[in-house]
Amino acid sequence: MEANVNDSKQFIVVKIGIEQYGIDIKYVDNIVRMQRITRVPKAQSFFKGVINLRGEIIPVMSMRLKFGLEDDVVTNATRIIIIKLEPQSAVGIIVDEVKEVVTLDDTMIEKVTNSAVEDKYGYLSGIGKHKEGLISLLNISSVIIEKETV
């Protein structure tokens, strides 16, 4: 399918800490309630472990820890979003709350220039303007596939 100049995309808006982030809906496979996570030894600190979702073992990471915030506080609103970048590989990300689905077209999205913001914003693909608020749009593949630099 060819992309139009004025394409619109749908994003799932989630809360991580006090910030709102948008995740491109095309990568979202499922949204599940928080469940027991089996820890995995020697995993990176932001990887919480794995869950068994209908027979599929899925690694789960904390977006709060990934972004350098305090550890997750699980509430009734906490969700695990199952992200599939490729059909055979899924990763779960823990978010504080799933808010809504929004449709943004190109005119509502400001690109982020890497020089304008510090390094962790390599995680962002842009800033979406929706109603009165701003939504930081996640470049979900760079969040998940990030190479650790020591």
Protein backbone atom coordinates (compact mmCIF):
# COMPACT_ATOMS: atom_id res chain seq x y z
CA MET A 1 0.00 0.00 0.00
CA GLU A 2 1.50 3.35 -1.01
CA ALA A 3 1.79 6.01 1.65
CA ASN A 4 -0.01 9.24 0.92
CA VAL A 5 1.69 12.53 1.67
CA ASN A 6 -0.99 13.25 4.25
CA ASP A 7 -1.14 9.81 5.80
CA SER A 8 -2.74 9.34 9.14
CA LYS A 9 -1.63 6.79 11.69
CA GLN A 10 -3.31 5.38 14.74
CA PHE A 11 -1.51 5.37 18.05
CA ILE A 12 -2.36 3.76 21.34
CA VAL A 13 -1.82 6.41 24.00
CA VAL A 14 -0.27 5.05 27.20
CA LYS A 15 0.91 6.59 30.43
CA ILE A 16 4.40 5.87 31.73
CA GLY A 17 4.99 7.82 34.90
CA ILE A 18 3.34 11.21 34.36
CA GLU A 19 4.03 11.34 30.61
CA GLN A 20 1.82 10.26 27.74
CA TYR A 21 3.36 8.22 24.94
CA GLY A 22 1.94 7.01 21.66
CA ILE A 23 2.70 3.58 20.22
CA ASP A 24 1.98 2.95 16.53
CA ILE A 25 -0.98 0.58 16.56
CA LYS A 26 0.45 -1.53 13.73
CA TYR A 27 2.99 -2.98 16.18
CA VAL A 28 0.47 -3.73 18.92
CA ASP A 29 -0.53 -7.37 18.95
CA ASN A 30 -2.43 -7.50 22.22
CA ILE A 31 -3.01 -5.70 25.51
CA VAL A 32 -3.25 -7.86 28.61
CA ARG A 33 -3.71 -7.30 32.31
CA MET A 34 -0.68 -7.50 34.54
CA GLN A 35 0.14 -11.10 35.44
CA ARG A 36 2.81 -13.09 37.17
CA ILE A 37 6.18 -12.59 35.52
CA THR A 38 8.82 -15.29 35.81
CA ARG A 39 12.22 -13.73 36.43
CA VAL A 40 15.11 -14.60 34.15
CA PRO A 41 18.62 -14.69 35.65
CA LYS A 42 21.23 -12.21 34.39
CA ALA A 43 18.75 -10.23 32.30
CA GLN A 44 19.16 -6.46 31.91
CA SER A 45 17.63 -4.53 34.80
CA PHE A 46 14.65 -3.29 32.78
CA PHE A 47 13.72 -6.84 31.68
CA LYS A 48 11.27 -8.10 34.28
CA GLY A 49 11.22 -11.69 32.98
CA VAL A 50 8.82 -13.72 30.84
CA ILE A 51 5.10 -14.46 30.75
CA ASN A 52 3.22 -17.35 29.21
CA LEU A 53 0.54 -15.95 26.94
CA ARG A 54 -1.61 -18.71 25.46
CA GLY A 55 1.40 -21.03 25.27
CA GLU A 56 3.80 -18.43 23.87
CA ILE A 57 6.70 -17.36 26.10
CA ILE A 58 7.07 -13.60 25.84
CA PRO A 59 9.85 -11.48 27.41
CA VAL A 60 8.51 -8.48 29.34
CA MET A 61 10.29 -5.19 29.92
CA SER A 62 9.50 -2.26 32.18
CA MET A 63 9.16 0.99 30.27
CA ARG A 64 9.60 2.89 33.55
CA LEU A 65 13.00 1.30 34.22
CA LYS A 66 13.97 1.63 30.55
CA PHE A 67 13.31 5.37 30.77
CA GLY A 68 15.18 5.75 34.06
CA LEU A 69 12.08 6.23 36.22
CA GLU A 70 11.31 4.51 39.52
CA ASP A 71 10.17 0.88 39.39
CA ASP A 72 6.65 -0.06 38.33
CA VAL A 73 3.82 0.27 40.81
CA VAL A 74 1.21 -2.23 39.71
CA THR A 75 -2.37 -0.94 39.84
CA ASN A 76 -5.66 -2.02 38.26
CA ALA A 77 -4.73 0.16 35.29
CA THR A 78 -1.30 -1.45 34.70
CA ARG A 79 -1.16 -3.31 31.39
CA ILE A 80 1.32 -5.35 29.38
CA ILE A 81 1.26 -4.36 25.72
CA ILE A 82 2.41 -7.16 23.45
CA ILE A 83 4.49 -5.63 20.65
CA LYS A 84 5.29 -7.56 17.47
CA LEU A 85 7.92 -5.96 15.28
CA GLU A 86 8.16 -9.18 13.27
CA PRO A 87 5.51 -11.91 13.08
CA GLN A 88 7.58 -14.48 14.97
CA SER A 89 8.92 -12.30 17.79
CA ALA A 90 6.85 -10.67 20.49
CA VAL A 91 7.90 -8.51 23.44
CA GLY A 92 5.71 -7.29 26.28
CA ILE A 93 6.11 -3.77 27.64
CA ILE A 94 4.65 -2.72 30.99
CA VAL A 95 2.80 0.60 30.98
CA ASP A 96 1.01 2.35 33.83
CA GLU A 97 -2.20 2.83 31.90
CA VAL A 98 -3.68 2.53 28.43
CA LYS A 99 -5.62 5.73 27.73
CA GLU A 100 -7.12 5.74 24.23
CA VAL A 101 -6.49 5.25 20.55
CA VAL A 102 -5.89 8.45 18.60
CA THR A 103 -5.54 9.09 14.88
CA LEU A 104 -2.90 11.64 13.93
CA ASP A 105 -2.11 12.79 10.44
CA ASP A 106 1.23 14.16 9.34
CA THR A 107 0.22 17.75 10.05
CA MET A 108 -0.29 16.85 13.73
CA ILE A 109 3.14 15.27 14.15
CA GLU A 110 6.31 17.28 14.73
CA LYS A 111 9.51 15.42 13.97
CA VAL A 112 12.09 15.43 16.75
CA THR A 113 15.59 16.50 15.86
CA ASN A 114 18.18 14.51 17.76
CA SER A 115 20.27 17.57 18.53
CA ALA A 116 17.32 19.31 20.16
CA VAL A 117 16.81 16.72 22.87
CA GLU A 118 19.05 14.54 24.95
CA ASP A 119 19.97 11.04 23.95
CA LYS A 120 17.13 9.02 25.45
CA TYR A 121 14.84 10.67 22.94
CA GLY A 122 16.30 8.49 20.23
CA TYR A 123 13.29 6.54 21.49
CA LEU A 124 10.94 9.12 19.99
CA SER A 125 9.83 9.36 16.39
CA GLY A 126 7.97 12.62 16.92
CA ILE A 127 5.60 14.63 19.07
CA GLY A 128 1.89 14.34 18.35
CA LYS A 129 -0.48 17.23 18.96
CA HIS A 130 -3.85 15.95 20.10
CA LYS A 131 -6.60 18.13 21.58
CA GLU A 132 -4.79 20.30 24.16
CA GLY A 133 -2.03 17.84 24.94
CA LEU A 134 1.19 16.57 23.46
CA ILE A 135 1.94 12.89 23.01
CA SER A 136 5.51 11.67 22.70
CA LEU A 137 5.41 9.15 19.85
CA LEU A 138 7.65 6.18 20.55
CA ASN A 139 9.97 4.74 17.95
CA ILE A 140 9.09 1.35 19.37
CA SER A 141 11.75 -0.60 17.48
CA SER A 142 14.55 1.56 18.92
CA VAL A 143 13.04 1.18 22.40
CA ILE A 144 12.98 -2.61 22.12
CA ILE A 145 16.02 -3.39 19.95
CA GLU A 146 18.33 -0.80 21.48
CA LYS A 147 21.92 -1.92 21.70
CA GLU A 148 23.30 -1.43 25.17
CA THR A 149 26.27 0.93 25.21
CA VAL A 150 28.63 0.60 28.13
